[in-house]
C-alpha atoms as a PDB file:
ATOM      1  CA  UNK A   1      15.881 -42.975  40.879  1.00  0.00           C
ATOM      2  CA  UNK A   2      14.712 -41.396  44.064  1.00  0.00           C
ATOM      3  CA  UNK A   3      13.896 -43.585  47.036  1.00  0.00           C
ATOM      4  CA  UNK A   4      10.452 -43.245  48.588  1.00  0.00           C
ATOM      5  CA  UNK A   5       9.457 -44.299  52.076  1.00  0.00           C
ATOM      6  CA  UNK A   6       5.770 -44.168  52.988  1.00  0.00           C
ATOM      7  CA  UNK A   7       4.725 -42.817  56.360  1.00  0.00           C
ATOM      8  CA  UNK A   8       3.800 -46.300  57.502  1.00  0.00           C
ATOM      9  CA  UNK A   9       7.392 -47.371  56.979  1.00  0.00           C
ATOM     10  CA  UNK A  10       6.972 -49.478  53.844  1.00  0.00           C
ATOM     11  CA  UNK A  11       9.675 -48.797  51.281  1.00  0.00           C
ATOM     12  CA  UNK A  12       9.056 -48.725  47.538  1.00  0.00           C
ATOM     13  CA  UNK A  13      11.101 -47.416  44.672  1.00  0.00           C
ATOM     14  CA  UNK A  14       9.943 -44.297  42.885  1.00  0.00           C
ATOM     15  CA  UNK A  15      11.379 -41.902  40.363  1.00  0.00           C
ATOM     16  CA  UNK A  16      12.207 -42.648  36.776  1.00  0.00           C
ATOM     17  CA  UNK A  17      12.245 -46.182  35.468  1.00  0.00           C
ATOM     18  CA  UNK A  18      12.555 -46.992  31.800  1.00  0.00           C
ATOM     19  CA  UNK A  19       9.514 -47.942  29.764  1.00  0.00           C
ATOM     20  CA  UNK A  20      11.421 -48.122  26.496  1.00  0.00           C
ATOM     21  CA  UNK A  21      14.557 -46.988  24.718  1.00  0.00           C
ATOM     22  CA  UNK A  22      14.254 -45.666  21.187  1.00  0.00           C
ATOM     23  CA  UNK A  23      17.705 -46.936  20.228  1.00  0.00           C
ATOM     24  CA  UNK A  24      19.189 -50.340  21.109  1.00  0.00           C
ATOM     25  CA  UNK A  25      21.963 -50.405  23.717  1.00  0.00           C
ATOM     26  CA  UNK A  26      25.512 -50.415  22.388  1.00  0.00           C
ATOM     27  CA  UNK A  27      27.108 -53.364  24.141  1.00  0.00           C
ATOM     28  CA  UNK A  28      30.812 -53.407  24.870  1.00  0.00           C
ATOM     29  CA  UNK A  29      32.728 -56.689  24.691  1.00  0.00           C
ATOM     30  CA  UNK A  30      34.225 -56.303  28.153  1.00  0.00           C
ATOM     31  CA  UNK A  31      34.165 -54.062  31.197  1.00  0.00           C
ATOM     32  CA  UNK A  32      33.180 -54.029  34.853  1.00  0.00           C
ATOM     33  CA  UNK A  33      29.505 -54.369  35.643  1.00  0.00           C
ATOM     34  CA  UNK A  34      29.481 -55.176  39.324  1.00  0.00           C
ATOM     35  CA  UNK A  35      28.902 -52.691  42.102  1.00  0.00           C
ATOM     36  CA  UNK A  36      32.204 -51.407  43.415  1.00  0.00           C
ATOM     37  CA  UNK A  37      34.247 -52.664  40.439  1.00  0.00           C
ATOM     38  CA  UNK A  38      36.502 -50.544  38.291  1.00  0.00           C
ATOM     39  CA  UNK A  39      38.635 -51.202  35.232  1.00  0.00           C
ATOM     40  CA  UNK A  40      41.347 -48.982  36.716  1.00  0.00           C
ATOM     41  CA  UNK A  41      41.801 -50.274  40.221  1.00  0.00           C
ATOM     42  CA  UNK A  42      38.984 -52.565  41.311  1.00  0.00           C
ATOM     43  CA  UNK A  43      37.102 -51.841  44.506  1.00  0.00           C
ATOM     44  CA  UNK A  44      39.941 -49.702  45.874  1.00  0.00           C
ATOM     45  CA  UNK A  45      39.810 -47.495  42.769  1.00  0.00           C
ATOM     46  CA  UNK A  46      36.070 -47.025  43.141  1.00  0.00           C
ATOM     47  CA  UNK A  47      36.437 -46.190  46.833  1.00  0.00           C
ATOM     48  CA  UNK A  48      39.117 -43.613  46.063  1.00  0.00           C
ATOM     49  CA  UNK A  49      36.897 -41.913  43.490  1.00  0.00           C
ATOM     50  CA  UNK A  50      33.977 -41.880  45.917  1.00  0.00           C
ATOM     51  CA  UNK A  51      36.128 -40.281  48.611  1.00  0.00           C
ATOM     52  CA  UNK A  52      37.172 -37.518  46.205  1.00  0.00           C
ATOM     53  CA  UNK A  53      33.625 -36.741  45.113  1.00  0.00           C
ATOM     54  CA  UNK A  54      31.489 -37.331  48.240  1.00  0.00           C
ATOM     55  CA  UNK A  55      32.287 -34.042  49.992  1.00  0.00           C
ATOM     56  CA  UNK A  56      30.626 -32.186  47.101  1.00  0.00           C
ATOM     57  CA  UNK A  57      27.356 -34.104  47.405  1.00  0.00           C
ATOM     58  CA  UNK A  58      24.177 -33.688  49.427  1.00  0.00           C
ATOM     59  CA  UNK A  59      21.550 -36.220  50.404  1.00  0.00           C
ATOM     60  CA  UNK A  60      18.181 -34.729  49.475  1.00  0.00           C
ATOM     61  CA  UNK A  61      15.140 -35.521  51.613  1.00  0.00           C
ATOM     62  CA  UNK A  62      11.694 -34.463  50.454  1.00  0.00           C
ATOM     63  CA  UNK A  63       8.212 -34.587  51.945  1.00  0.00           C
ATOM     64  CA  UNK A  64       5.021 -35.049  49.949  1.00  0.00           C
ATOM     65  CA  UNK A  65       2.183 -33.698  52.079  1.00  0.00           C
ATOM     66  CA  UNK A  66      -0.735 -35.253  50.261  1.00  0.00           C
ATOM     67  CA  UNK A  67       1.179 -38.460  49.465  1.00  0.00           C
ATOM     68  CA  UNK A  68       1.889 -39.069  53.203  1.00  0.00           C
ATOM     69  CA  UNK A  69       5.368 -40.087  52.116  1.00  0.00           C
ATOM     70  CA  UNK A  70       8.992 -39.046  52.232  1.00  0.00           C
ATOM     71  CA  UNK A  71      11.589 -39.486  49.527  1.00  0.00           C
ATOM     72  CA  UNK A  72      15.350 -39.398  49.213  1.00  0.00           C
ATOM     73  CA  UNK A  73      17.746 -38.657  46.399  1.00  0.00           C
ATOM     74  CA  UNK A  74      21.100 -37.028  45.710  1.00  0.00           C
ATOM     75  CA  UNK A  75      22.327 -33.602  44.663  1.00  0.00           C
ATOM     76  CA  UNK A  76      25.601 -32.086  43.478  1.00  0.00           C
ATOM     77  CA  UNK A  77      26.908 -28.880  45.076  1.00  0.00           C
ATOM     78  CA  UNK A  78      28.155 -26.541  42.348  1.00  0.00           C
ATOM     79  CA  UNK A  79      28.824 -23.333  44.320  1.00  0.00           C
ATOM     80  CA  UNK A  80      30.305 -22.838  47.776  1.00  0.00           C
ATOM     81  CA  UNK A  81      27.236 -20.772  48.693  1.00  0.00           C
ATOM     82  CA  UNK A  82      24.970 -23.813  48.370  1.00  0.00           C
ATOM     83  CA  UNK A  83      23.674 -24.005  44.832  1.00  0.00           C
ATOM     84  CA  UNK A  84      22.765 -27.633  44.109  1.00  0.00           C
ATOM     85  CA  UNK A  85      21.860 -29.431  40.882  1.00  0.00           C
ATOM     86  CA  UNK A  86      19.648 -32.517  40.982  1.00  0.00           C
ATOM     87  CA  UNK A  87      16.973 -34.263  38.936  1.00  0.00           C
ATOM     88  CA  UNK A  88      13.603 -32.559  38.680  1.00  0.00           C
ATOM     89  CA  UNK A  89      11.853 -35.829  39.477  1.00  0.00           C
ATOM     90  CA  UNK A  90      13.652 -35.968  42.839  1.00  0.00           C
ATOM     91  CA  UNK A  91      11.880 -32.813  44.043  1.00  0.00           C
ATOM     92  CA  UNK A  92       8.742 -32.771  41.873  1.00  0.00           C
ATOM     93  CA  UNK A  93       5.641 -32.428  44.045  1.00  0.00           C
ATOM     94  CA  UNK A  94       7.657 -31.903  47.216  1.00  0.00           C
ATOM     95  CA  UNK A  95       6.143 -29.661  49.871  1.00  0.00           C
ATOM     96  CA  UNK A  96       9.368 -29.550  51.896  1.00  0.00           C
ATOM     97  CA  UNK A  97      12.993 -30.128  50.869  1.00  0.00           C
ATOM     98  CA  UNK A  98      16.026 -30.564  53.108  1.00  0.00           C
ATOM     99  CA  UNK A  99      19.597 -31.378  52.137  1.00  0.00           C
ATOM    100  CA  UNK A 100      22.330 -32.972  54.243  1.00  0.00           C
ATOM    101  CA  UNK A 101      25.764 -31.830  53.075  1.00  0.00           C
ATOM    102  CA  UNK A 102      28.270 -34.693  53.121  1.00  0.00           C
ATOM    103  CA  UNK A 103      31.209 -32.295  53.274  1.00  0.00           C
ATOM    104  CA  UNK A 104      30.375 -30.559  56.556  1.00  0.00           C
ATOM    105  CA  UNK A 105      27.656 -32.790  58.020  1.00  0.00           C
ATOM    106  CA  UNK A 106      25.123 -29.955  58.256  1.00  0.00           C
ATOM    107  CA  UNK A 107      21.501 -30.104  57.105  1.00  0.00           C
ATOM    108  CA  UNK A 108      19.862 -27.176  55.316  1.00  0.00           C
ATOM    109  CA  UNK A 109      16.389 -26.193  54.197  1.00  0.00           C
ATOM    110  CA  UNK A 110      16.379 -25.952  50.418  1.00  0.00           C
ATOM    111  CA  UNK A 111      14.346 -23.763  48.087  1.00  0.00           C
ATOM    112  CA  UNK A 112      13.731 -24.428  44.400  1.00  0.00           C
ATOM    113  CA  UNK A 113      15.409 -21.884  42.116  1.00  0.00           C
ATOM    114  CA  UNK A 114      13.875 -23.442  39.012  1.00  0.00           C
ATOM    115  CA  UNK A 115      13.545 -26.603  36.979  1.00  0.00           C
ATOM    116  CA  UNK A 116      13.188 -28.142  33.541  1.00  0.00           C
ATOM    117  CA  UNK A 117      10.726 -31.047  33.475  1.00  0.00           C
ATOM    118  CA  UNK A 118      11.613 -32.202  29.956  1.00  0.00           C
ATOM    119  CA  UNK A 119      15.336 -32.165  30.748  1.00  0.00           C
ATOM    120  CA  UNK A 120      14.832 -33.593  34.264  1.00  0.00           C
ATOM    121  CA  UNK A 121      17.049 -30.916  35.813  1.00  0.00           C
ATOM    122  CA  UNK A 122      16.409 -28.787  38.899  1.00  0.00           C
ATOM    123  CA  UNK A 123      18.455 -26.193  40.755  1.00  0.00           C
ATOM    124  CA  UNK A 124      18.134 -25.802  44.535  1.00  0.00           C
ATOM    125  CA  UNK A 125      19.517 -23.198  46.924  1.00  0.00           C
ATOM    126  CA  UNK A 126      20.548 -24.300  50.412  1.00  0.00           C
ATOM    127  CA  UNK A 127      19.460 -21.659  52.910  1.00  0.00           C
ATOM    128  CA  UNK A 128      22.266 -20.072  54.942  1.00  0.00           C
ATOM    129  CA  UNK A 129      24.997 -22.205  53.372  1.00  0.00           C
ATOM    130  CA  UNK A 130      28.575 -21.005  52.847  1.00  0.00           C
ATOM    131  CA  UNK A 131      32.019 -22.460  52.368  1.00  0.00           C
ATOM    132  CA  UNK A 132      30.752 -25.753  50.934  1.00  0.00           C
ATOM    133  CA  UNK A 133      32.873 -28.198  48.980  1.00  0.00           C
ATOM    134  CA  UNK A 134      31.799 -28.587  45.346  1.00  0.00           C
ATOM    135  CA  UNK A 135      31.976 -31.262  42.665  1.00  0.00           C
ATOM    136  CA  UNK A 136      34.327 -30.920  39.699  1.00  0.00           C
ATOM    137  CA  UNK A 137      32.504 -30.894  36.353  1.00  0.00           C
ATOM    138  CA  UNK A 138      34.167 -32.458  33.319  1.00  0.00           C
ATOM    139  CA  UNK A 139      35.030 -30.185  30.440  1.00  0.00           C
ATOM    140  CA  UNK A 140      34.714 -32.836  27.752  1.00  0.00           C
ATOM    141  CA  UNK A 141      32.282 -35.582  26.785  1.00  0.00           C
ATOM    142  CA  UNK A 142      32.599 -39.293  27.466  1.00  0.00           C
ATOM    143  CA  UNK A 143      33.252 -41.960  24.842  1.00  0.00           C
ATOM    144  CA  UNK A 144      31.960 -45.492  24.415  1.00  0.00           C
ATOM    145  CA  UNK A 145      33.827 -47.866  26.691  1.00  0.00           C
ATOM    146  CA  UNK A 146      34.977 -45.183  29.157  1.00  0.00           C
ATOM    147  CA  UNK A 147      35.037 -46.333  32.773  1.00  0.00           C
ATOM    148  CA  UNK A 148      32.490 -44.512  34.947  1.00  0.00           C
ATOM    149  CA  UNK A 149      31.203 -44.667  38.507  1.00  0.00           C
ATOM    150  CA  UNK A 150      27.685 -43.704  39.661  1.00  0.00           C
ATOM    151  CA  UNK A 151      27.638 -42.287  43.189  1.00  0.00           C
ATOM    152  CA  UNK A 152      24.605 -41.458  45.317  1.00  0.00           C
ATOM    153  CA  UNK A 153      22.348 -41.950  48.297  1.00  0.00           C
ATOM    154  CA  UNK A 154      21.362 -45.507  47.337  1.00  0.00           C
ATOM    155  CA  UNK A 155      18.260 -46.685  49.171  1.00  0.00           C
ATOM    156  CA  UNK A 156      18.034 -43.348  50.984  1.00  0.00           C
ATOM    157  CA  UNK A 157      20.288 -44.670  53.765  1.00  0.00           C
ATOM    158  CA  UNK A 158      22.478 -41.557  53.908  1.00  0.00           C
ATOM    159  CA  UNK A 159      25.825 -43.148  53.050  1.00  0.00           C
ATOM    160  CA  UNK A 160      27.063 -42.653  49.473  1.00  0.00           C
ATOM    161  CA  UNK A 161      27.226 -45.858  47.466  1.00  0.00           C
ATOM    162  CA  UNK A 162      29.301 -46.244  44.316  1.00  0.00           C
ATOM    163  CA  UNK A 163      28.575 -48.499  41.344  1.00  0.00           C
ATOM    164  CA  UNK A 164      31.185 -48.916  38.614  1.00  0.00           C
ATOM    165  CA  UNK A 165      30.712 -49.734  34.959  1.00  0.00           C
ATOM    166  CA  UNK A 166      31.397 -48.476  31.467  1.00  0.00           C
ATOM    167  CA  UNK A 167      29.659 -46.197  28.996  1.00  0.00           C
ATOM    168  CA  UNK A 168      27.586 -48.454  26.726  1.00  0.00           C
ATOM    169  CA  UNK A 169      25.679 -45.866  24.715  1.00  0.00           C
ATOM    170  CA  UNK A 170      25.631 -42.186  23.752  1.00  0.00           C
ATOM    171  CA  UNK A 171      22.858 -39.828  22.695  1.00  0.00           C
ATOM    172  CA  UNK A 172      20.212 -42.287  23.869  1.00  0.00           C
ATOM    173  CA  UNK A 173      16.458 -41.554  23.996  1.00  0.00           C
ATOM    174  CA  UNK A 174      14.139 -43.220  26.488  1.00  0.00           C
ATOM    175  CA  UNK A 175      10.587 -43.050  27.760  1.00  0.00           C
ATOM    176  CA  UNK A 176      10.438 -42.921  31.549  1.00  0.00           C
ATOM    177  CA  UNK A 177       7.681 -43.653  34.005  1.00  0.00           C
ATOM    178  CA  UNK A 178       7.298 -41.879  37.348  1.00  0.00           C
ATOM    179  CA  UNK A 179       6.247 -44.386  39.997  1.00  0.00           C
ATOM    180  CA  UNK A 180       4.934 -41.542  42.172  1.00  0.00           C
ATOM    181  CA  UNK A 181       2.717 -39.634  39.730  1.00  0.00           C
ATOM    182  CA  UNK A 182       2.127 -42.272  37.061  1.00  0.00           C
ATOM    183  CA  UNK A 183       3.143 -39.811  34.335  1.00  0.00           C
ATOM    184  CA  UNK A 184       5.638 -40.440  31.564  1.00  0.00           C
ATOM    185  CA  UNK A 185       8.431 -38.278  30.229  1.00  0.00           C
ATOM    186  CA  UNK A 186      10.546 -38.545  27.089  1.00  0.00           C
ATOM    187  CA  UNK A 187      14.253 -37.862  27.634  1.00  0.00           C
ATOM    188  CA  UNK A 188      16.916 -37.725  24.940  1.00  0.00           C
ATOM    189  CA  UNK A 189      20.631 -37.114  24.486  1.00  0.00           C
ATOM    190  CA  UNK A 190      21.474 -39.386  27.434  1.00  0.00           C
ATOM    191  CA  UNK A 191      24.544 -41.368  28.397  1.00  0.00           C
ATOM    192  CA  UNK A 192      23.881 -45.080  28.862  1.00  0.00           C
ATOM    193  CA  UNK A 193      25.909 -47.144  31.340  1.00  0.00           C
ATOM    194  CA  UNK A 194      25.928 -50.651  32.733  1.00  0.00           C
ATOM    195  CA  UNK A 195      26.806 -49.335  36.208  1.00  0.00           C
ATOM    196  CA  UNK A 196      24.187 -50.673  38.627  1.00  0.00           C
ATOM    197  CA  UNK A 197      21.775 -47.806  39.326  1.00  0.00           C
ATOM    198  CA  UNK A 198      19.924 -48.029  42.622  1.00  0.00           C
ATOM    199  CA  UNK A 199      17.031 -46.190  44.230  1.00  0.00           C
ATOM    200  CA  UNK A 200      18.355 -42.917  45.644  1.00  0.00           C
ATOM    201  CA  UNK A 201      21.084 -42.472  43.007  1.00  0.00           C
ATOM    202  CA  UNK A 202      18.905 -39.933  41.167  1.00  0.00           C
ATOM    203  CA  UNK A 203      20.566 -36.538  40.949  1.00  0.00           C
ATOM    204  CA  UNK A 204      23.955 -38.010  41.820  1.00  0.00           C
ATOM    205  CA  UNK A 205      27.084 -37.819  39.691  1.00  0.00           C
ATOM    206  CA  UNK A 206      28.370 -40.180  37.051  1.00  0.00           C
ATOM    207  CA  UNK A 207      32.140 -39.598  37.260  1.00  0.00           C
ATOM    208  CA  UNK A 208      35.112 -40.560  35.135  1.00  0.00           C
ATOM    209  CA  UNK A 209      38.453 -41.989  36.252  1.00  0.00           C
ATOM    210  CA  UNK A 210      39.630 -38.475  37.174  1.00  0.00           C
ATOM    211  CA  UNK A 211      36.703 -37.913  39.571  1.00  0.00           C
ATOM    212  CA  UNK A 212      35.168 -35.405  37.161  1.00  0.00           C
ATOM    213  CA  UNK A 213      31.386 -35.374  36.734  1.00  0.00           C
ATOM    214  CA  UNK A 214      30.454 -36.439  33.204  1.00  0.00           C
ATOM    215  CA  UNK A 215      26.731 -36.875  33.825  1.00  0.00           C
ATOM    216  CA  UNK A 216      23.856 -36.830  36.313  1.00  0.00           C
ATOM    217  CA  UNK A 217      22.169 -40.169  37.015  1.00  0.00           C
ATOM    218  CA  UNK A 218      18.491 -39.963  36.095  1.00  0.00           C
ATOM    219  CA  UNK A 219      16.940 -43.364  35.286  1.00  0.00           C
ATOM    220  CA  UNK A 220      17.276 -47.103  35.734  1.00  0.00           C
ATOM    221  CA  UNK A 221      15.682 -50.033  33.924  1.00  0.00           C
ATOM    222  CA  UNK A 222      12.180 -51.265  34.616  1.00  0.00           C
ATOM    223  CA  UNK A 223      13.395 -54.489  36.262  1.00  0.00           C
ATOM    224  CA  UNK A 224      14.673 -52.371  39.137  1.00  0.00           C
ATOM    225  CA  UNK A 225      14.114 -53.716  42.635  1.00  0.00           C
ATOM    226  CA  UNK A 226      14.456 -51.631  45.797  1.00  0.00           C
ATOM    227  CA  UNK A 227      17.598 -53.379  47.061  1.00  0.00           C
ATOM    228  CA  UNK A 228      19.052 -54.402  43.723  1.00  0.00           C
ATOM    229  CA  UNK A 229      20.788 -52.410  41.004  1.00  0.00           C
ATOM    230  CA  UNK A 230      19.314 -51.906  37.552  1.00  0.00           C
ATOM    231  CA  UNK A 231      20.897 -53.542  34.512  1.00  0.00           C
ATOM    232  CA  UNK A 232      20.702 -50.321  32.478  1.00  0.00           C
ATOM    233  CA  UNK A 233      21.249 -46.803  33.688  1.00  0.00           C
ATOM    234  CA  UNK A 234      21.003 -43.418  32.031  1.00  0.00           C
ATOM    235  CA  UNK A 235      22.505 -40.037  32.868  1.00  0.00           C
ATOM    236  CA  UNK A 236      22.049 -36.476  31.637  1.00  0.00           C
ATOM    237  CA  UNK A 237      25.418 -35.324  30.199  1.00  0.00           C
ATOM    238  CA  UNK A 238      27.201 -32.603  32.148  1.00  0.00           C
ATOM    239  CA  UNK A 239      27.193 -30.265  29.149  1.00  0.00           C
ATOM    240  CA  UNK A 240      23.400 -30.551  29.023  1.00  0.00           C
ATOM    241  CA  UNK A 241      22.537 -30.068  32.696  1.00  0.00           C
ATOM    242  CA  UNK A 242      25.110 -27.287  33.084  1.00  0.00           C
ATOM    243  CA  UNK A 243      23.487 -25.335  30.220  1.00  0.00           C
ATOM    244  CA  UNK A 244      19.978 -25.830  31.646  1.00  0.00           C
ATOM    245  CA  UNK A 245      21.146 -24.825  35.130  1.00  0.00           C
ATOM    246  CA  UNK A 246      22.747 -21.666  33.725  1.00  0.00           C
ATOM    247  CA  UNK A 247      19.423 -20.659  32.151  1.00  0.00           C
ATOM    248  CA  UNK A 248      17.609 -21.289  35.431  1.00  0.00           C
ATOM    249  CA  UNK A 249      20.065 -19.303  37.537  1.00  0.00           C
ATOM    250  CA  UNK A 250      20.040 -16.383  35.082  1.00  0.00           C
ATOM    251  CA  UNK A 251      16.225 -16.302  35.189  1.00  0.00           C
ATOM    252  CA  UNK A 252      15.875 -17.283  31.530  1.00  0.00           C
ATOM    253  CA  UNK A 253      12.417 -18.837  31.551  1.00  0.00           C
ATOM    254  CA  UNK A 254      11.274 -20.654  28.409  1.00  0.00           C
ATOM    255  CA  UNK A 255       8.799 -23.255  27.248  1.00  0.00           C
ATOM    256  CA  UNK A 256      10.738 -25.918  29.134  1.00  0.00           C
ATOM    257  CA  UNK A 257      12.489 -23.951  31.901  1.00  0.00           C
ATOM    258  CA  UNK A 258      10.483 -22.709  34.892  1.00  0.00           C
ATOM    259  CA  UNK A 259      12.030 -20.135  37.216  1.00  0.00           C
ATOM    260  CA  UNK A 260      10.771 -19.216  40.673  1.00  0.00           C
ATOM    261  CA  UNK A 261       7.647 -20.293  42.589  1.00  0.00           C
ATOM    262  CA  UNK A 262       5.353 -22.872  41.016  1.00  0.00           C
ATOM    263  CA  UNK A 263       1.677 -22.158  40.441  1.00  0.00           C
ATOM    264  CA  UNK A 264      -0.437 -24.716  42.319  1.00  0.00           C
ATOM    265  CA  UNK A 265      -3.882 -26.023  41.389  1.00  0.00           C
ATOM    266  CA  UNK A 266      -4.139 -28.735  44.046  1.00  0.00           C
ATOM    267  CA  UNK A 267      -5.116 -31.906  42.209  1.00  0.00           C
ATOM    268  CA  UNK A 268      -3.540 -35.290  41.723  1.00  0.00           C
ATOM    269  CA  UNK A 269      -4.373 -36.735  38.313  1.00  0.00           C
ATOM    270  CA  UNK A 270      -3.998 -40.044  36.526  1.00  0.00           C
ATOM    271  CA  UNK A 271      -4.336 -41.234  32.910  1.00  0.00           C
ATOM    272  CA  UNK A 272      -7.586 -42.626  31.495  1.00  0.00           C
ATOM    273  CA  UNK A 273      -8.398 -44.384  28.245  1.00  0.00           C
ATOM    274  CA  UNK A 274     -10.081 -41.341  26.775  1.00  0.00           C
ATOM    275  CA  UNK A 275      -8.482 -37.929  26.454  1.00  0.00           C
ATOM    276  CA  UNK A 276      -8.171 -35.990  29.707  1.00  0.00           C
ATOM    277  CA  UNK A 277      -6.684 -36.150  33.173  1.00  0.00           C
ATOM    278  CA  UNK A 278      -8.751 -37.923  35.835  1.00  0.00           C
ATOM    279  CA  UNK A 279      -8.748 -36.238  39.250  1.00  0.00           C
ATOM    280  CA  UNK A 280      -8.050 -38.846  41.944  1.00  0.00           C
ATOM    281  CA  UNK A 281      -7.321 -36.485  44.836  1.00  0.00           C
ATOM    282  CA  UNK A 282      -7.940 -32.834  45.699  1.00  0.00           C
ATOM    283  CA  UNK A 283      -5.831 -31.055  48.283  1.00  0.00           C
ATOM    284  CA  UNK A 284      -7.966 -29.467  50.999  1.00  0.00           C
ATOM    285  CA  UNK A 285      -8.231 -25.644  50.849  1.00  0.00           C
ATOM    286  CA  UNK A 286      -6.403 -25.634  47.489  1.00  0.00           C
ATOM    287  CA  UNK A 287      -7.694 -23.541  44.554  1.00  0.00           C
ATOM    288  CA  UNK A 288      -9.249 -26.674  43.053  1.00  0.00           C
ATOM    289  CA  UNK A 289     -11.054 -27.512  46.303  1.00  0.00           C
ATOM    290  CA  UNK A 290     -12.359 -23.955  46.653  1.00  0.00           C
ATOM    291  CA  UNK A 291     -13.686 -24.115  43.069  1.00  0.00           C
ATOM    292  CA  UNK A 292     -15.542 -27.359  43.770  1.00  0.00           C
ATOM    293  CA  UNK A 293     -13.324 -29.776  41.842  1.00  0.00           C
ATOM    294  CA  UNK A 294     -13.865 -33.313  43.133  1.00  0.00           C
ATOM    295  CA  UNK A 295     -12.234 -36.732  42.721  1.00  0.00           C
ATOM    296  CA  UNK A 296     -13.764 -38.423  39.696  1.00  0.00           C
ATOM    297  CA  UNK A 297     -13.889 -35.212  37.661  1.00  0.00           C
ATOM    298  CA  UNK A 298     -12.127 -35.379  34.310  1.00  0.00           C
ATOM    299  CA  UNK A 299     -10.048 -32.327  33.379  1.00  0.00           C
ATOM    300  CA  UNK A 300     -10.413 -31.744  29.638  1.00  0.00           C
ATOM    301  CA  UNK A 301      -9.212 -28.155  29.394  1.00  0.00           C
ATOM    302  CA  UNK A 302      -6.904 -25.830  31.312  1.00  0.00           C
ATOM    303  CA  UNK A 303      -6.294 -22.130  30.665  1.00  0.00           C
ATOM    304  CA  UNK A 304      -7.851 -22.429  27.210  1.00  0.00           C
ATOM    305  CA  UNK A 305      -5.726 -25.417  26.203  1.00  0.00           C
ATOM    306  CA  UNK A 306      -7.063 -28.943  25.662  1.00  0.00           C
ATOM    307  CA  UNK A 307      -5.891 -31.552  28.181  1.00  0.00           C
ATOM    308  CA  UNK A 308      -5.424 -34.985  26.620  1.00  0.00           C
ATOM    309  CA  UNK A 309      -3.139 -36.558  29.234  1.00  0.00           C
ATOM    310  CA  UNK A 310      -2.010 -35.830  32.837  1.00  0.00           C
ATOM    311  CA  UNK A 311       1.352 -34.380  31.777  1.00  0.00           C
ATOM    312  CA  UNK A 312      -0.469 -31.473  30.116  1.00  0.00           C
ATOM    313  CA  UNK A 313      -1.702 -30.193  33.495  1.00  0.00           C
ATOM    314  CA  UNK A 314       1.837 -29.686  34.817  1.00  0.00           C
ATOM    315  CA  UNK A 315       3.146 -28.242  31.552  1.00  0.00           C
ATOM    316  CA  UNK A 316       0.342 -25.680  31.334  1.00  0.00           C
ATOM    317  CA  UNK A 317       0.686 -24.638  34.970  1.00  0.00           C
ATOM    318  CA  UNK A 318       4.446 -24.190  34.510  1.00  0.00           C
ATOM    319  CA  UNK A 319       3.739 -21.140  32.350  1.00  0.00           C
ATOM    320  CA  UNK A 320       1.852 -19.367  35.160  1.00  0.00           C
ATOM    321  CA  UNK A 321       2.834 -17.663  38.384  1.00  0.00           C
ATOM    322  CA  UNK A 322       1.031 -17.842  41.731  1.00  0.00           C
ATOM    323  CA  UNK A 323      -1.820 -15.319  41.729  1.00  0.00           C
ATOM    324  CA  UNK A 324      -2.805 -15.955  38.111  1.00  0.00           C
ATOM    325  CA  UNK A 325      -6.463 -16.673  37.372  1.00  0.00           C
ATOM    326  CA  UNK A 326      -7.275 -19.427  34.873  1.00  0.00           C
ATOM    327  CA  UNK A 327     -10.247 -21.538  33.821  1.00  0.00           C
ATOM    328  CA  UNK A 328     -10.547 -25.310  34.244  1.00  0.00           C
ATOM    329  CA  UNK A 329     -12.942 -27.316  32.062  1.00  0.00           C
ATOM    330  CA  UNK A 330     -14.266 -30.495  33.704  1.00  0.00           C
ATOM    331  CA  UNK A 331     -16.579 -33.400  32.994  1.00  0.00           C
ATOM    332  CA  UNK A 332     -18.094 -34.952  36.111  1.00  0.00           C
ATOM    333  CA  UNK A 333     -18.961 -38.621  36.622  1.00  0.00           C
ATOM    334  CA  UNK A 334     -22.494 -37.989  35.310  1.00  0.00           C
ATOM    335  CA  UNK A 335     -21.037 -36.693  32.044  1.00  0.00           C
ATOM    336  CA  UNK A 336     -21.924 -33.055  32.726  1.00  0.00           C
ATOM    337  CA  UNK A 337     -19.358 -30.518  31.534  1.00  0.00           C
ATOM    338  CA  UNK A 338     -18.646 -27.341  33.472  1.00  0.00           C
ATOM    339  CA  UNK A 339     -15.965 -24.668  33.604  1.00  0.00           C
ATOM    340  CA  UNK A 340     -14.681 -23.184  36.836  1.00  0.00           C
ATOM    341  CA  UNK A 341     -12.383 -20.253  37.496  1.00  0.00           C
ATOM    342  CA  UNK A 342      -9.470 -20.664  39.916  1.00  0.00           C
ATOM    343  CA  UNK A 343      -6.771 -18.366  41.289  1.00  0.00           C
ATOM    344  CA  UNK A 344      -3.517 -20.250  41.531  1.00  0.00           C
ATOM    345  CA  UNK A 345      -1.359 -20.196  44.659  1.00  0.00           C
ATOM    346  CA  UNK A 346       2.288 -21.073  45.316  1.00  0.00           C
ATOM    347  CA  UNK A 347       2.872 -24.782  45.658  1.00  0.00           C
ATOM    348  CA  UNK A 348       5.262 -27.700  45.135  1.00  0.00           C
ATOM    349  CA  UNK A 349       7.496 -27.823  42.052  1.00  0.00           C
ATOM    350  CA  UNK A 350       6.003 -29.631  39.060  1.00  0.00           C
END
């Protein structure tokens, strides 16, 4: 999960929490479940692993202009020139992204190279970075019962925290809920662990006993509390996020992978009982505002495609570049349908 702090100073957890898992957890008869524990050396073993990995991590700090909030998560440095892999939900909707490198202590502005919403993977580029330490990615998959440690910017406090556990499930499928946008996402092929996942761990590494990254932490269970670890955690396997990142870096855009600037409409939407996406906020001077879209309007069509739920808005926009002109079909609060034409601009990642 990412950690979100509102401008007024109140802290709440955001990011991905689990609505449901399509397969039951595979429970192991024994193994460490407490933060800092390890089956191969206790707290000292966990600390040693953290020390080996931490220099290749960054703390990611994002700003959400129209949410009047700031968030924090974790990223893994994969090239010395500052290429970073993190979760898409850590940076989704961000209007500004900065990353503090734990290896050299410097903070960089970060740009989004691309992302995959359905895979929950994003690639960032740290501006002006060079000579950075990197994480070591595992060349093989994990097995049930393997000892693992989740490392990340827990709580957004800036100091890496490690939580040890074991692998309790493989190839798991879950439905996640974003506490920021209210949208859901279906993720599959995940590693399940009983390591305590905390807010801010999102985008951080799940490492094996050799300090090799076997997965990227992406979700915790719904009983998550801001200062308390989750009882179930899930991670995107390294083989999966490495393949997605390679497509992004090579510019291989597809139905799921978006490369380059994100087309921006300028609305915040929420689910409703009927089909459509209800507009709850319109960003001033955005394409939607210029076209006369107002809070309370129901988006039922976008670029010729029907909109049945809020997620459709982001997925449709992902196929377009800034400068594209599309049509938006709306139903206002009086039940009157209209269609407006908008020219998309560059905006936050989806």
